[in-house]
Amino acid sequence: MTAETYSRRSVLRAGAGVAVGGAALGNARPARAQTAFDGWLDGVENYDGVVDETGSDSVTIEVGAEANGGNFGFGPAAVRVDPGTTVTWEWVNGSHNVVDDAGNFESEMSGEAGFTFEQTFEETGVVKYFCLPHKSMGMKGVVVVGDAEVGGSGGSGSADGGLSNADLGTAALALSLVAGLLSPLAFAPVLKRDDDR
């Protein structure tokens, strides 16, 4: 095997390595892009995106829904409503309360199935709430009012300036393939020197 053949193969292997490594990075997601609501619902077992209830005058959220290792969830964990919508929390199991993280409202503690608590949301924004005794277990929820941005995988909008996770992955993969294809060209002067010897 000549030095020239070895050099070209080395360069092609390096280019392939760049492409494979870039493809792997393309599948990685930035931590911030995965986190909706600034991490508020991270670890909330029954959170599976924002349920769109826009167009409804009233929405009911279950308190004590099955989640987080027992009856320690709000169902659904995140909901989007129009301004002026009344949200009713209805107890289905266990002793819980509903507390606004910003301190604007708080229900009494109740363990009575069928007990309700209502709040009407007039202003566009994101309202985070929790059950005080079970907050550390992940009993948290969110009401998104109007077209408020939620970031990440939680609904409309994203935490990374408007690109979705799929867009970021596709862009990273495309860039890695281009880099892999162009890397042998970067070594062309070196290979040319080898040819001249």
N, C-alpha and C. Protein backbone atom coordinates (compact mmCIF):
# COMPACT_ATOMS: atom_id res chain seq x y z
N MET A 1 0.85 -1.17 0.00
CA MET A 1 0.00 0.00 0.00
C MET A 1 0.89 1.23 0.00
N THR A 2 0.62 2.19 -0.86
CA THR A 2 1.44 3.39 -0.94
C THR A 2 0.98 4.41 0.07
N ALA A 3 1.85 5.40 0.32
CA ALA A 3 1.51 6.47 1.26
C ALA A 3 0.33 7.27 0.75
N GLU A 4 0.26 7.44 -0.57
CA GLU A 4 -0.83 8.22 -1.16
C GLU A 4 -2.17 7.52 -0.92
N THR A 5 -2.26 6.21 -1.14
CA THR A 5 -3.49 5.45 -0.94
C THR A 5 -3.89 5.51 0.52
N TYR A 6 -2.93 5.30 1.40
CA TYR A 6 -3.21 5.34 2.83
C TYR A 6 -3.74 6.72 3.24
N SER A 7 -3.15 7.77 2.72
CA SER A 7 -3.58 9.14 3.07
C SER A 7 -5.01 9.40 2.61
N ARG A 8 -5.32 8.97 1.43
CA ARG A 8 -6.67 9.20 0.93
C ARG A 8 -7.69 8.40 1.74
N ARG A 9 -7.37 7.17 2.05
CA ARG A 9 -8.28 6.35 2.86
C ARG A 9 -8.46 6.96 4.25
N SER A 10 -7.39 7.46 4.81
CA SER A 10 -7.48 8.10 6.13
C SER A 10 -8.40 9.30 6.10
N VAL A 11 -8.26 10.07 5.03
CA VAL A 11 -9.09 11.25 4.90
C VAL A 11 -10.55 10.85 4.72
N LEU A 12 -10.81 9.84 3.90
CA LEU A 12 -12.18 9.40 3.70
C LEU A 12 -12.77 8.83 4.98
N ARG A 13 -11.98 8.07 5.74
CA ARG A 13 -12.45 7.56 7.03
C ARG A 13 -12.79 8.71 7.98
N ALA A 14 -11.94 9.72 8.00
CA ALA A 14 -12.19 10.88 8.88
C ALA A 14 -13.49 11.58 8.47
N GLY A 15 -13.69 11.71 7.17
CA GLY A 15 -14.93 12.33 6.69
C GLY A 15 -16.16 11.53 7.08
N ALA A 16 -16.04 10.19 6.96
CA ALA A 16 -17.15 9.34 7.36
C ALA A 16 -17.39 9.45 8.86
N GLY A 17 -16.32 9.55 9.64
CA GLY A 17 -16.45 9.72 11.09
C GLY A 17 -17.16 11.00 11.45
N VAL A 18 -16.84 12.07 10.75
CA VAL A 18 -17.51 13.35 10.99
C VAL A 18 -19.00 13.22 10.68
N ALA A 19 -19.33 12.56 9.57
CA ALA A 19 -20.73 12.41 9.19
C ALA A 19 -21.49 11.58 10.21
N VAL A 20 -20.91 10.46 10.66
CA VAL A 20 -21.59 9.61 11.64
C VAL A 20 -21.74 10.34 12.97
N GLY A 21 -20.68 11.01 13.41
CA GLY A 21 -20.75 11.77 14.67
C GLY A 21 -21.77 12.88 14.59
N GLY A 22 -21.81 13.57 13.46
CA GLY A 22 -22.79 14.64 13.30
C GLY A 22 -24.21 14.11 13.28
N ALA A 23 -24.40 12.94 12.68
CA ALA A 23 -25.74 12.34 12.67
C ALA A 23 -26.18 12.00 14.09
N ALA A 24 -25.25 11.50 14.89
CA ALA A 24 -25.59 11.19 16.28
C ALA A 24 -25.95 12.46 17.03
N LEU A 25 -25.21 13.54 16.80
CA LEU A 25 -25.54 14.81 17.45
C LEU A 25 -26.86 15.36 16.95
N GLY A 26 -27.17 15.09 15.69
CA GLY A 26 -28.43 15.57 15.13
C GLY A 26 -29.63 14.96 15.82
N ASN A 27 -29.47 13.76 16.38
CA ASN A 27 -30.57 13.12 17.09
C ASN A 27 -30.67 13.57 18.53
N ALA A 28 -29.64 14.22 19.04
CA ALA A 28 -29.69 14.73 20.42
C ALA A 28 -30.54 15.99 20.43
N ARG A 29 -31.27 16.19 21.48
CA ARG A 29 -32.12 17.37 21.60
C ARG A 29 -31.55 18.28 22.68
N PRO A 30 -31.53 19.58 22.43
CA PRO A 30 -31.08 20.49 23.46
C PRO A 30 -31.99 20.37 24.68
N ALA A 31 -31.41 20.40 25.86
CA ALA A 31 -32.18 20.21 27.09
C ALA A 31 -33.29 21.25 27.19
N ARG A 32 -33.02 22.49 26.85
CA ARG A 32 -34.02 23.54 26.98
C ARG A 32 -35.19 23.32 26.03
N ALA A 33 -34.91 22.76 24.84
CA ALA A 33 -35.98 22.55 23.87
C ALA A 33 -36.94 21.45 24.33
N GLN A 34 -36.49 20.56 25.19
CA GLN A 34 -37.35 19.49 25.67
C GLN A 34 -38.22 19.95 26.83
N THR A 35 -37.89 21.05 27.43
CA THR A 35 -38.54 21.45 28.67
C THR A 35 -39.59 22.52 28.41
N ALA A 36 -40.85 22.16 28.63
CA ALA A 36 -41.93 23.12 28.54
C ALA A 36 -42.15 23.75 29.90
N PHE A 37 -42.64 24.95 29.92
CA PHE A 37 -42.99 25.65 31.16
C PHE A 37 -41.79 25.76 32.11
N ASP A 38 -40.60 26.00 31.56
CA ASP A 38 -39.38 26.15 32.36
C ASP A 38 -39.18 24.99 33.32
N GLY A 39 -39.55 23.80 32.91
CA GLY A 39 -39.34 22.60 33.72
C GLY A 39 -40.41 22.33 34.75
N TRP A 40 -41.46 23.14 34.80
CA TRP A 40 -42.51 22.98 35.80
C TRP A 40 -43.12 21.58 35.78
N LEU A 41 -43.31 21.03 34.59
CA LEU A 41 -43.96 19.72 34.48
C LEU A 41 -42.96 18.57 34.29
N ASP A 42 -41.66 18.85 34.43
CA ASP A 42 -40.68 17.77 34.37
C ASP A 42 -40.98 16.79 35.50
N GLY A 43 -41.04 15.53 35.19
CA GLY A 43 -41.31 14.51 36.20
C GLY A 43 -42.77 14.31 36.52
N VAL A 44 -43.66 15.07 35.89
CA VAL A 44 -45.10 14.86 36.10
C VAL A 44 -45.51 13.71 35.19
N GLU A 45 -45.82 12.58 35.80
CA GLU A 45 -46.01 11.32 35.08
C GLU A 45 -47.09 11.37 34.00
N ASN A 46 -48.18 12.08 34.25
CA ASN A 46 -49.29 12.05 33.29
C ASN A 46 -49.27 13.24 32.33
N TYR A 47 -48.18 14.02 32.29
CA TYR A 47 -48.09 15.13 31.33
C TYR A 47 -47.70 14.58 29.97
N ASP A 48 -48.58 14.81 29.00
CA ASP A 48 -48.33 14.32 27.65
C ASP A 48 -48.70 15.41 26.64
N GLY A 49 -48.28 16.63 26.93
CA GLY A 49 -48.60 17.74 26.06
C GLY A 49 -49.79 18.53 26.58
N VAL A 50 -50.07 19.64 25.90
CA VAL A 50 -51.13 20.54 26.31
C VAL A 50 -52.43 20.14 25.60
N VAL A 51 -53.48 19.89 26.37
CA VAL A 51 -54.79 19.54 25.82
C VAL A 51 -55.48 20.83 25.39
N ASP A 52 -55.87 20.91 24.14
CA ASP A 52 -56.49 22.11 23.59
C ASP A 52 -57.99 22.12 23.89
N GLU A 53 -58.39 23.01 24.77
CA GLU A 53 -59.81 23.18 25.11
C GLU A 53 -60.31 24.56 24.69
N THR A 54 -59.59 25.20 23.75
CA THR A 54 -60.05 26.50 23.27
C THR A 54 -61.40 26.31 22.60
N GLY A 55 -62.24 27.30 22.71
CA GLY A 55 -63.60 27.21 22.17
C GLY A 55 -64.62 26.76 23.20
N SER A 56 -64.16 26.31 24.36
CA SER A 56 -65.07 25.89 25.43
C SER A 56 -65.21 27.01 26.46
N ASP A 57 -66.44 27.22 26.94
CA ASP A 57 -66.67 28.24 27.96
C ASP A 57 -66.23 27.77 29.34
N SER A 58 -66.28 26.45 29.54
CA SER A 58 -65.87 25.89 30.83
C SER A 58 -65.12 24.58 30.59
N VAL A 59 -64.16 24.32 31.47
CA VAL A 59 -63.32 23.13 31.36
C VAL A 59 -63.20 22.52 32.75
N THR A 60 -63.24 21.19 32.83
CA THR A 60 -63.09 20.50 34.11
C THR A 60 -61.77 19.75 34.14
N ILE A 61 -61.05 19.90 35.25
CA ILE A 61 -59.80 19.20 35.49
C ILE A 61 -59.99 18.32 36.72
N GLU A 62 -59.65 17.05 36.60
CA GLU A 62 -59.78 16.13 37.74
C GLU A 62 -58.65 16.37 38.73
N VAL A 63 -58.99 16.32 40.01
CA VAL A 63 -58.02 16.43 41.10
C VAL A 63 -57.94 15.06 41.75
N GLY A 64 -56.71 14.51 41.81
CA GLY A 64 -56.54 13.17 42.34
C GLY A 64 -56.59 12.11 41.25
N ALA A 65 -56.28 12.53 40.03
CA ALA A 65 -56.22 11.59 38.91
C ALA A 65 -55.03 10.64 39.11
N GLU A 66 -55.10 9.49 38.50
CA GLU A 66 -54.03 8.49 38.61
C GLU A 66 -52.75 9.01 37.96
N ALA A 67 -51.72 9.22 38.76
CA ALA A 67 -50.42 9.69 38.27
C ALA A 67 -49.44 9.72 39.43
N ASN A 68 -48.17 9.73 39.09
CA ASN A 68 -47.10 9.92 40.07
C ASN A 68 -47.14 8.90 41.21
N GLY A 69 -47.43 7.65 40.87
CA GLY A 69 -47.41 6.58 41.85
C GLY A 69 -48.67 6.46 42.69
N GLY A 70 -49.77 7.00 42.24
CA GLY A 70 -51.02 6.91 42.99
C GLY A 70 -52.02 7.90 42.45
N ASN A 71 -52.87 8.42 43.33
CA ASN A 71 -53.88 9.42 42.94
C ASN A 71 -53.33 10.82 43.19
N PHE A 72 -52.19 11.11 42.54
CA PHE A 72 -51.47 12.35 42.79
C PHE A 72 -51.26 13.15 41.51
N GLY A 73 -52.33 13.29 40.73
CA GLY A 73 -52.22 14.04 39.49
C GLY A 73 -53.43 14.91 39.23
N PHE A 74 -53.24 15.88 38.35
CA PHE A 74 -54.33 16.67 37.79
C PHE A 74 -54.56 16.12 36.38
N GLY A 75 -55.82 15.94 36.01
CA GLY A 75 -56.10 15.36 34.71
C GLY A 75 -57.03 16.23 33.88
N PRO A 76 -56.53 16.80 32.79
CA PRO A 76 -55.18 16.72 32.26
C PRO A 76 -54.21 17.63 33.03
N ALA A 77 -52.92 17.33 32.90
CA ALA A 77 -51.90 18.11 33.62
C ALA A 77 -51.74 19.50 33.02
N ALA A 78 -51.98 19.65 31.73
CA ALA A 78 -51.86 20.96 31.08
C ALA A 78 -53.00 21.13 30.09
N VAL A 79 -53.60 22.31 30.13
CA VAL A 79 -54.74 22.59 29.26
C VAL A 79 -54.62 24.02 28.74
N ARG A 80 -55.04 24.22 27.48
CA ARG A 80 -55.08 25.57 26.88
C ARG A 80 -56.54 25.98 26.75
N VAL A 81 -56.84 27.19 27.24
CA VAL A 81 -58.20 27.72 27.19
C VAL A 81 -58.19 29.13 26.62
N ASP A 82 -59.35 29.60 26.22
CA ASP A 82 -59.49 30.99 25.77
C ASP A 82 -59.63 31.91 26.99
N PRO A 83 -59.23 33.18 26.84
CA PRO A 83 -59.51 34.13 27.92
C PRO A 83 -61.01 34.17 28.21
N GLY A 84 -61.37 34.25 29.48
CA GLY A 84 -62.77 34.25 29.90
C GLY A 84 -63.30 32.88 30.24
N THR A 85 -62.51 31.84 30.05
CA THR A 85 -62.95 30.47 30.34
C THR A 85 -62.89 30.20 31.85
N THR A 86 -63.91 29.51 32.35
CA THR A 86 -63.93 29.08 33.75
C THR A 86 -63.41 27.65 33.82
N VAL A 87 -62.38 27.45 34.65
CA VAL A 87 -61.83 26.12 34.88
C VAL A 87 -62.37 25.64 36.22
N THR A 88 -62.92 24.43 36.22
CA THR A 88 -63.43 23.80 37.43
C THR A 88 -62.56 22.59 37.75
N TRP A 89 -61.98 22.59 38.94
CA TRP A 89 -61.24 21.42 39.41
C TRP A 89 -62.23 20.58 40.20
N GLU A 90 -62.32 19.29 39.85
CA GLU A 90 -63.25 18.39 40.52
C GLU A 90 -62.47 17.23 41.16
N TRP A 91 -62.66 17.07 42.46
CA TRP A 91 -61.96 16.03 43.21
C TRP A 91 -62.54 14.66 42.86
N VAL A 92 -61.64 13.72 42.51
CA VAL A 92 -62.07 12.36 42.18
C VAL A 92 -61.50 11.34 43.16
N ASN A 93 -60.42 11.71 43.86
CA ASN A 93 -59.81 10.75 44.76
C ASN A 93 -58.76 11.44 45.64
N GLY A 94 -58.74 11.15 46.91
CA GLY A 94 -57.71 11.63 47.81
C GLY A 94 -57.97 13.00 48.38
N SER A 95 -57.12 13.39 49.31
CA SER A 95 -57.21 14.69 49.98
C SER A 95 -56.18 15.64 49.36
N HIS A 96 -56.68 16.68 48.67
CA HIS A 96 -55.82 17.57 47.91
C HIS A 96 -56.33 19.01 48.00
N ASN A 97 -55.52 19.92 47.46
CA ASN A 97 -55.95 21.29 47.23
C ASN A 97 -55.35 21.78 45.92
N VAL A 98 -55.74 22.97 45.48
CA VAL A 98 -55.24 23.58 44.26
C VAL A 98 -54.70 24.94 44.65
N VAL A 99 -53.39 25.15 44.40
CA VAL A 99 -52.73 26.39 44.81
C VAL A 99 -52.03 27.00 43.60
N ASP A 100 -52.35 28.25 43.29
CA ASP A 100 -51.67 28.98 42.21
C ASP A 100 -50.24 29.27 42.65
N ASP A 101 -49.27 28.96 41.80
CA ASP A 101 -47.86 29.17 42.13
C ASP A 101 -47.55 30.65 42.34
N ALA A 102 -48.31 31.54 41.70
CA ALA A 102 -48.10 32.98 41.85
C ALA A 102 -48.87 33.55 43.04
N GLY A 103 -49.66 32.72 43.70
CA GLY A 103 -50.40 33.16 44.88
C GLY A 103 -51.71 33.87 44.62
N ASN A 104 -52.26 33.76 43.42
CA ASN A 104 -53.50 34.46 43.08
C ASN A 104 -54.77 33.72 43.50
N PHE A 105 -54.70 32.42 43.72
CA PHE A 105 -55.86 31.68 44.20
C PHE A 105 -55.40 30.43 44.94
N GLU A 106 -56.29 29.92 45.80
CA GLU A 106 -56.03 28.68 46.53
C GLU A 106 -57.35 28.10 47.00
N SER A 107 -57.54 26.82 46.74
CA SER A 107 -58.75 26.14 47.21
C SER A 107 -58.51 25.66 48.63
N GLU A 108 -59.58 25.24 49.27
CA GLU A 108 -59.42 24.60 50.57
C GLU A 108 -58.97 23.15 50.35
N MET A 109 -58.43 22.54 51.37
CA MET A 109 -58.06 21.13 51.33
C MET A 109 -59.33 20.31 51.43
N SER A 110 -59.48 19.32 50.54
CA SER A 110 -60.67 18.48 50.59
C SER A 110 -60.32 17.06 50.19
N GLY A 111 -61.02 16.13 50.78
CA GLY A 111 -60.89 14.72 50.43
C GLY A 111 -62.22 14.16 49.96
N GLU A 112 -63.17 15.05 49.70
CA GLU A 112 -64.53 14.65 49.32
C GLU A 112 -64.65 14.53 47.80
N ALA A 113 -64.94 13.32 47.30
CA ALA A 113 -65.16 13.14 45.87
C ALA A 113 -66.33 14.00 45.43
N GLY A 114 -66.16 14.70 44.31
CA GLY A 114 -67.21 15.58 43.80
C GLY A 114 -67.05 17.03 44.24
N PHE A 115 -66.17 17.29 45.21
CA PHE A 115 -65.90 18.67 45.63
C PHE A 115 -65.33 19.43 44.43
N THR A 116 -65.72 20.72 44.28
CA THR A 116 -65.23 21.51 43.15
C THR A 116 -64.68 22.85 43.61
N PHE A 117 -63.81 23.38 42.78
CA PHE A 117 -63.24 24.71 42.95
C PHE A 117 -63.14 25.33 41.57
N GLU A 118 -63.55 26.61 41.44
CA GLU A 118 -63.58 27.27 40.12
C GLU A 118 -62.69 28.49 40.09
N GLN A 119 -62.17 28.75 38.90
CA GLN A 119 -61.40 29.97 38.66
C GLN A 119 -61.62 30.37 37.21
N THR A 120 -61.94 31.65 36.99
CA THR A 120 -62.10 32.16 35.63
C THR A 120 -60.82 32.90 35.25
N PHE A 121 -60.29 32.58 34.07
CA PHE A 121 -59.03 33.15 33.61
C PHE A 121 -59.31 34.18 32.52
N GLU A 122 -59.04 35.44 32.83
CA GLU A 122 -59.33 36.54 31.90
C GLU A 122 -58.12 36.95 31.08
N GLU A 123 -56.92 36.87 31.63
CA GLU A 123 -55.73 37.40 30.97
C GLU A 123 -54.90 36.31 30.32
N THR A 124 -54.36 36.62 29.13
CA THR A 124 -53.48 35.70 28.43
C THR A 124 -52.23 35.46 29.27
N GLY A 125 -51.82 34.21 29.35
CA GLY A 125 -50.62 33.88 30.11
C GLY A 125 -50.58 32.41 30.48
N VAL A 126 -49.57 32.05 31.26
CA VAL A 126 -49.39 30.68 31.72
C VAL A 126 -49.54 30.68 33.24
N VAL A 127 -50.48 29.88 33.73
CA VAL A 127 -50.75 29.79 35.16
C VAL A 127 -50.31 28.41 35.64
N LYS A 128 -49.32 28.39 36.53
CA LYS A 128 -48.82 27.13 37.09
C LYS A 128 -49.47 26.95 38.46
N TYR A 129 -49.88 25.71 38.75
CA TYR A 129 -50.52 25.43 40.03
C TYR A 129 -50.08 24.06 40.54
N PHE A 130 -50.42 23.77 41.79
CA PHE A 130 -49.99 22.52 42.41
C PHE A 130 -50.89 22.16 43.58
N CYS A 131 -50.73 20.94 44.09
CA CYS A 131 -51.35 20.51 45.35
C CYS A 131 -50.26 20.64 46.41
N LEU A 132 -50.51 21.44 47.42
CA LEU A 132 -49.47 21.74 48.40
C LEU A 132 -48.88 20.51 49.06
N PRO A 133 -49.67 19.56 49.60
CA PRO A 133 -49.03 18.43 50.24
C PRO A 133 -48.32 17.46 49.29
N HIS A 134 -48.68 17.51 48.00
CA HIS A 134 -48.14 16.52 47.06
C HIS A 134 -47.32 17.14 45.93
N LYS A 135 -46.93 18.39 46.08
CA LYS A 135 -46.15 19.07 45.05
C LYS A 135 -44.85 18.33 44.76
N SER A 136 -44.15 17.91 45.81
CA SER A 136 -42.86 17.24 45.61
C SER A 136 -43.00 15.89 44.93
N MET A 137 -44.21 15.33 44.93
CA MET A 137 -44.47 14.06 44.25
C MET A 137 -44.78 14.26 42.77
N GLY A 138 -44.91 15.51 42.35
CA GLY A 138 -45.21 15.81 40.95
C GLY A 138 -46.65 16.18 40.69
N MET A 139 -47.41 16.49 41.74
CA MET A 139 -48.81 16.86 41.53
C MET A 139 -48.87 18.35 41.20
N LYS A 140 -48.63 18.62 39.91
CA LYS A 140 -48.59 19.99 39.40
C LYS A 140 -49.35 20.06 38.08
N GLY A 141 -49.81 21.25 37.75
CA GLY A 141 -50.53 21.44 36.51
C GLY A 141 -50.32 22.83 35.95
N VAL A 142 -50.86 23.04 34.75
CA VAL A 142 -50.71 24.32 34.06
C VAL A 142 -52.01 24.62 33.30
N VAL A 143 -52.41 25.88 33.36
CA VAL A 143 -53.48 26.39 32.50
C VAL A 143 -52.83 27.43 31.59
N VAL A 144 -52.88 27.20 30.29
CA VAL A 144 -52.37 28.15 29.31
C VAL A 144 -53.57 28.94 28.80
N VAL A 145 -53.54 30.24 28.99
CA VAL A 145 -54.67 31.08 28.61
C VAL A 145 -54.33 31.83 27.33
N GLY A 146 -55.17 31.66 26.32
CA GLY A 146 -54.97 32.34 25.05
C GLY A 146 -53.79 31.78 24.28
N ASP A 147 -53.11 32.67 23.53
CA ASP A 147 -52.03 32.21 22.66
C ASP A 147 -50.66 32.35 23.32
N ALA A 148 -50.60 32.27 24.63
CA ALA A 148 -49.33 32.37 25.35
C ALA A 148 -48.39 31.26 24.90
N GLU A 149 -47.12 31.60 24.73
CA GLU A 149 -46.10 30.63 24.34
C GLU A 149 -45.77 29.75 25.53
N VAL A 150 -45.58 28.45 25.27
CA VAL A 150 -45.27 27.52 26.35
C VAL A 150 -43.87 26.96 26.26
N GLY A 151 -43.24 27.05 25.11
CA GLY A 151 -41.87 26.55 24.95
C GLY A 151 -41.80 25.05 24.82
N GLY A 152 -40.74 24.58 24.16
CA GLY A 152 -40.42 23.15 24.06
C GLY A 152 -41.53 22.32 23.48
N SER A 153 -41.69 21.14 24.05
CA SER A 153 -42.64 20.17 23.53
C SER A 153 -44.03 20.34 24.11
N GLY A 154 -44.26 21.42 24.83
CA GLY A 154 -45.52 21.60 25.51
C GLY A 154 -46.63 22.19 24.68
N GLY A 155 -46.44 22.52 23.46
CA GLY A 155 -47.51 23.07 22.65
C GLY A 155 -46.95 24.00 21.61
N SER A 156 -47.69 25.08 21.30
CA SER A 156 -47.23 25.97 20.26
C SER A 156 -46.04 26.76 20.76
N GLY A 157 -45.16 27.08 19.85
CA GLY A 157 -43.96 27.83 20.23
C GLY A 157 -42.86 26.89 20.67
N SER A 158 -41.65 27.40 20.71
CA SER A 158 -40.53 26.59 21.17
C SER A 158 -39.55 27.46 21.92
N ALA A 159 -38.77 26.82 22.77
CA ALA A 159 -37.85 27.54 23.63
C ALA A 159 -36.57 27.90 22.91
N ASP A 160 -36.42 27.52 21.65
CA ASP A 160 -35.17 27.72 20.97
C ASP A 160 -35.28 28.70 19.81
N GLY A 161 -36.20 29.64 19.90
CA GLY A 161 -36.29 30.67 18.88
C GLY A 161 -37.16 30.29 17.70
N GLY A 162 -38.05 29.33 17.83
CA GLY A 162 -38.99 29.03 16.78
C GLY A 162 -38.76 27.74 16.03
N LEU A 163 -37.60 27.10 16.20
CA LEU A 163 -37.37 25.83 15.53
C LEU A 163 -37.88 24.69 16.40
N SER A 164 -38.57 23.74 15.79
CA SER A 164 -39.03 22.57 16.53
C SER A 164 -37.87 21.60 16.71
N ASN A 165 -38.05 20.60 17.57
CA ASN A 165 -37.02 19.58 17.77
C ASN A 165 -36.71 18.87 16.47
N ALA A 166 -37.74 18.58 15.68
CA ALA A 166 -37.54 17.90 14.40
C ALA A 166 -36.72 18.77 13.45
N ASP A 167 -37.01 20.08 13.43
CA ASP A 167 -36.23 21.00 12.58
C ASP A 167 -34.77 21.02 12.99
N LEU A 168 -34.51 21.08 14.29
CA LEU A 168 -33.12 21.10 14.78
C LEU A 168 -32.39 19.82 14.41
N GLY A 169 -33.06 18.69 14.58
CA GLY A 169 -32.43 17.41 14.24
C GLY A 169 -32.12 17.31 12.77
N THR A 170 -33.05 17.75 11.92
CA THR A 170 -32.85 17.71 10.47
C THR A 170 -31.71 18.62 10.06
N ALA A 171 -31.65 19.82 10.63
CA ALA A 171 -30.58 20.76 10.31
C ALA A 171 -29.22 20.22 10.74
N ALA A 172 -29.14 19.63 11.93
CA ALA A 172 -27.87 19.08 12.41
C ALA A 172 -27.42 17.91 11.53
N LEU A 173 -28.36 17.06 11.12
CA LEU A 173 -28.02 15.94 10.26
C LEU A 173 -27.52 16.44 8.91
N ALA A 174 -28.20 17.42 8.33
CA ALA A 174 -27.78 17.96 7.04
C ALA A 174 -26.39 18.58 7.13
N LEU A 175 -26.13 19.35 8.19
CA LEU A 175 -24.82 19.96 8.35
C LEU A 175 -23.73 18.91 8.52
N SER A 176 -24.03 17.85 9.27
CA SER A 176 -23.01 16.81 9.47
C SER A 176 -22.70 16.08 8.17
N LEU A 177 -23.71 15.85 7.34
CA LEU A 177 -23.47 15.19 6.05
C LEU A 177 -22.65 16.08 5.13
N VAL A 178 -22.94 17.37 5.11
CA VAL A 178 -22.16 18.30 4.29
C VAL A 178 -20.71 18.33 4.78
N ALA A 179 -20.53 18.40 6.10
CA ALA A 179 -19.17 18.41 6.65
C ALA A 179 -18.43 17.13 6.30
N GLY A 180 -19.14 16.00 6.37
CA GLY A 180 -18.51 14.72 6.02
C GLY A 180 -18.10 14.66 4.57
N LEU A 181 -18.91 15.23 3.70
CA LEU A 181 -18.59 15.21 2.28
C LEU A 181 -17.49 16.20 1.92
N LEU A 182 -17.44 17.33 2.61
CA LEU A 182 -16.45 18.36 2.29
C LEU A 182 -15.11 18.14 2.97
N SER A 183 -15.06 17.34 4.03
CA SER A 183 -13.81 17.19 4.76
C SER A 183 -12.67 16.64 3.89
N PRO A 184 -12.91 15.71 2.94
CA PRO A 184 -11.79 15.28 2.09
C PRO A 184 -11.23 16.44 1.24
N LEU A 185 -12.09 17.40 0.88
CA LEU A 185 -11.61 18.54 0.10
C LEU A 185 -10.67 19.42 0.90
N ALA A 186 -10.87 19.46 2.21
CA ALA A 186 -9.99 20.26 3.06
C ALA A 186 -8.58 19.69 3.07
N PHE A 187 -8.47 18.38 2.85
CA PHE A 187 -7.16 17.73 2.86
C PHE A 187 -6.57 17.60 1.46
N ALA A 188 -7.23 18.12 0.45
CA ALA A 188 -6.76 18.00 -0.92
C ALA A 188 -5.35 18.57 -1.10
N PRO A 189 -5.01 19.73 -0.51
CA PRO A 189 -3.63 20.22 -0.67
C PRO A 189 -2.60 19.26 -0.07
N VAL A 190 -2.94 18.60 1.02
CA VAL A 190 -2.03 17.64 1.63
C VAL A 190 -1.83 16.46 0.70
N LEU A 191 -2.93 15.98 0.13
CA LEU A 191 -2.85 14.85 -0.79
C LEU A 191 -2.07 15.24 -2.05
N LYS A 192 -2.25 16.46 -2.49
CA LYS A 192 -1.53 16.94 -3.67
C LYS A 192 -0.03 16.91 -3.40
N ARG A 193 0.39 17.34 -2.19
CA ARG A 193 1.80 17.29 -1.83
C ARG A 193 2.33 15.88 -1.86
N ASP A 194 1.49 14.92 -1.38
CA ASP A 194 1.89 13.52 -1.41
C ASP A 194 2.08 13.04 -2.85
N ASP A 195 1.23 13.52 -3.76
CA ASP A 195 1.33 13.13 -5.17
C ASP A 195 2.61 13.68 -5.79
N ASP A 196 3.06 14.86 -5.37
CA ASP A 196 4.24 15.51 -5.94
C ASP A 196 5.53 14.83 -5.49
N ARG A 197 5.50 14.05 -4.42
CA ARG A 197 6.73 13.43 -3.92
C ARG A 197 7.17 12.25 -4.71
